[in-house]
């Protein structure tokens, strides 16, 4: 398991399918969070691709989805800010 190795999984908002279409990763991302623990999942949008929504909208949808599916606010905050700060050595 990732917990045994200190792995951080980056889970992106969507996968580009081409022709201006994308597939949501949100259900599988939720499964990964539940299986691996929020401490091991970094939330990202992979925004900027033509197929995906703008990163701001993608992040809003992502956070809303997690909250609506029972992920507590403090865990969402850690996955969207805490891990990134730790990786950049910015964490207090």
C-alpha atoms as a PDB file:
ATOM      1  CA  UNK A   1       0.000   0.000   0.000  1.00  0.00           C
ATOM      2  CA  UNK A   2       1.078   3.580  -0.583  1.00  0.00           C
ATOM      3  CA  UNK A   3       0.936   4.224   3.160  1.00  0.00           C
ATOM      4  CA  UNK A   4       3.842   1.821   3.673  1.00  0.00           C
ATOM      5  CA  UNK A   5       6.105   3.794   1.341  1.00  0.00           C
ATOM      6  CA  UNK A   6       5.113   7.409   1.988  1.00  0.00           C
ATOM      7  CA  UNK A   7       3.805   7.796  -1.547  1.00  0.00           C
ATOM      8  CA  UNK A   8       1.746  10.841  -2.577  1.00  0.00           C
ATOM      9  CA  UNK A   9      -0.723  10.168  -5.383  1.00  0.00           C
ATOM     10  CA  UNK A  10      -1.614  13.108  -7.616  1.00  0.00           C
ATOM     11  CA  UNK A  11      -5.243  12.728  -8.602  1.00  0.00           C
ATOM     12  CA  UNK A  12      -6.297  14.994 -11.469  1.00  0.00           C
ATOM     13  CA  UNK A  13      -9.780  16.332 -12.152  1.00  0.00           C
ATOM     14  CA  UNK A  14     -10.251  14.713 -15.556  1.00  0.00           C
ATOM     15  CA  UNK A  15      -8.724  12.855 -18.472  1.00  0.00           C
ATOM     16  CA  UNK A  16      -8.725  14.444 -21.914  1.00  0.00           C
ATOM     17  CA  UNK A  17     -10.404  12.234 -24.493  1.00  0.00           C
ATOM     18  CA  UNK A  18      -9.721  14.421 -27.515  1.00  0.00           C
ATOM     19  CA  UNK A  19     -12.132  16.284 -29.749  1.00  0.00           C
ATOM     20  CA  UNK A  20     -12.890  18.735 -26.917  1.00  0.00           C
ATOM     21  CA  UNK A  21     -14.196  16.062 -24.537  1.00  0.00           C
ATOM     22  CA  UNK A  22     -12.981  14.859 -21.159  1.00  0.00           C
ATOM     23  CA  UNK A  23     -13.862  12.145 -18.661  1.00  0.00           C
ATOM     24  CA  UNK A  24     -14.283  12.986 -14.992  1.00  0.00           C
ATOM     25  CA  UNK A  25     -11.912  11.266 -12.581  1.00  0.00           C
ATOM     26  CA  UNK A  26     -13.888  12.354  -9.526  1.00  0.00           C
ATOM     27  CA  UNK A  27     -15.482   8.971  -8.652  1.00  0.00           C
ATOM     28  CA  UNK A  28     -12.168   7.108  -8.939  1.00  0.00           C
ATOM     29  CA  UNK A  29     -10.393   9.902  -7.038  1.00  0.00           C
ATOM     30  CA  UNK A  30     -12.872   9.513  -4.190  1.00  0.00           C
ATOM     31  CA  UNK A  31     -12.169   5.777  -4.141  1.00  0.00           C
ATOM     32  CA  UNK A  32      -8.421   6.460  -3.981  1.00  0.00           C
ATOM     33  CA  UNK A  33      -8.872   8.864  -1.069  1.00  0.00           C
ATOM     34  CA  UNK A  34     -10.909   6.311   0.836  1.00  0.00           C
ATOM     35  CA  UNK A  35      -8.542   3.444   0.031  1.00  0.00           C
ATOM     36  CA  UNK A  36      -5.211   5.231   0.612  1.00  0.00           C
ATOM     37  CA  UNK A  37      -6.134   7.931   3.098  1.00  0.00           C
ATOM     38  CA  UNK A  38      -6.307  11.633   2.427  1.00  0.00           C
ATOM     39  CA  UNK A  39      -2.726  12.088   3.686  1.00  0.00           C
ATOM     40  CA  UNK A  40      -1.525  10.314   0.532  1.00  0.00           C
ATOM     41  CA  UNK A  41      -3.668  12.012  -2.127  1.00  0.00           C
ATOM     42  CA  UNK A  42      -2.840  15.381  -3.667  1.00  0.00           C
ATOM     43  CA  UNK A  43      -5.754  17.043  -5.430  1.00  0.00           C
ATOM     44  CA  UNK A  44      -4.951  18.786  -8.713  1.00  0.00           C
ATOM     45  CA  UNK A  45      -6.909  19.920 -11.730  1.00  0.00           C
ATOM     46  CA  UNK A  46      -4.516  19.374 -14.614  1.00  0.00           C
ATOM     47  CA  UNK A  47      -6.220  22.479 -15.980  1.00  0.00           C
ATOM     48  CA  UNK A  48      -5.067  24.291 -19.041  1.00  0.00           C
ATOM     49  CA  UNK A  49      -5.906  21.561 -21.492  1.00  0.00           C
ATOM     50  CA  UNK A  50      -8.422  22.514 -24.150  1.00  0.00           C
ATOM     51  CA  UNK A  51     -10.693  19.621 -23.189  1.00  0.00           C
ATOM     52  CA  UNK A  52     -10.840  20.438 -19.467  1.00  0.00           C
ATOM     53  CA  UNK A  53     -12.638  23.335 -17.780  1.00  0.00           C
ATOM     54  CA  UNK A  54     -10.523  26.246 -16.564  1.00  0.00           C
ATOM     55  CA  UNK A  55      -8.550  25.233 -13.477  1.00  0.00           C
ATOM     56  CA  UNK A  56     -10.613  27.497 -11.188  1.00  0.00           C
ATOM     57  CA  UNK A  57     -13.870  25.843 -12.235  1.00  0.00           C
ATOM     58  CA  UNK A  58     -12.355  22.364 -12.138  1.00  0.00           C
ATOM     59  CA  UNK A  59     -11.057  22.917  -8.600  1.00  0.00           C
ATOM     60  CA  UNK A  60     -14.426  24.257  -7.449  1.00  0.00           C
ATOM     61  CA  UNK A  61     -16.205  21.215  -8.884  1.00  0.00           C
ATOM     62  CA  UNK A  62     -13.603  18.885  -7.375  1.00  0.00           C
ATOM     63  CA  UNK A  63     -13.855  20.381  -3.871  1.00  0.00           C
ATOM     64  CA  UNK A  64     -17.663  20.465  -4.029  1.00  0.00           C
ATOM     65  CA  UNK A  65     -17.745  16.820  -5.111  1.00  0.00           C
ATOM     66  CA  UNK A  66     -15.491  15.727  -2.268  1.00  0.00           C
ATOM     67  CA  UNK A  67     -17.506  17.700   0.300  1.00  0.00           C
ATOM     68  CA  UNK A  68     -20.815  16.334  -1.007  1.00  0.00           C
ATOM     69  CA  UNK A  69     -19.396  12.825  -0.661  1.00  0.00           C
ATOM     70  CA  UNK A  70     -18.447  13.159   2.975  1.00  0.00           C
ATOM     71  CA  UNK A  71     -14.825  14.285   2.867  1.00  0.00           C
ATOM     72  CA  UNK A  72     -14.314  16.728   5.766  1.00  0.00           C
ATOM     73  CA  UNK A  73     -13.160  20.284   5.078  1.00  0.00           C
ATOM     74  CA  UNK A  74      -9.869  19.830   6.961  1.00  0.00           C
ATOM     75  CA  UNK A  75      -8.998  16.816   4.774  1.00  0.00           C
ATOM     76  CA  UNK A  76      -9.867  18.707   1.598  1.00  0.00           C
ATOM     77  CA  UNK A  77      -7.697  21.596   2.765  1.00  0.00           C
ATOM     78  CA  UNK A  78      -4.797  19.210   3.369  1.00  0.00           C
ATOM     79  CA  UNK A  79      -5.152  17.616  -0.089  1.00  0.00           C
ATOM     80  CA  UNK A  80      -5.399  20.988  -1.862  1.00  0.00           C
ATOM     81  CA  UNK A  81      -2.850  22.980   0.173  1.00  0.00           C
ATOM     82  CA  UNK A  82      -1.067  21.003   2.862  1.00  0.00           C
ATOM     83  CA  UNK A  83       0.631  18.397   0.709  1.00  0.00           C
ATOM     84  CA  UNK A  84       1.734  21.005  -1.824  1.00  0.00           C
ATOM     85  CA  UNK A  85       3.170  23.216   0.943  1.00  0.00           C
ATOM     86  CA  UNK A  86       5.003  20.225   2.425  1.00  0.00           C
ATOM     87  CA  UNK A  87       6.463  19.238  -0.964  1.00  0.00           C
ATOM     88  CA  UNK A  88       7.683  22.812  -1.486  1.00  0.00           C
ATOM     89  CA  UNK A  89       9.030  22.965   2.081  1.00  0.00           C
ATOM     90  CA  UNK A  90       6.620  25.789   2.894  1.00  0.00           C
ATOM     91  CA  UNK A  91       4.766  24.042   5.698  1.00  0.00           C
ATOM     92  CA  UNK A  92       5.165  25.517   9.185  1.00  0.00           C
END
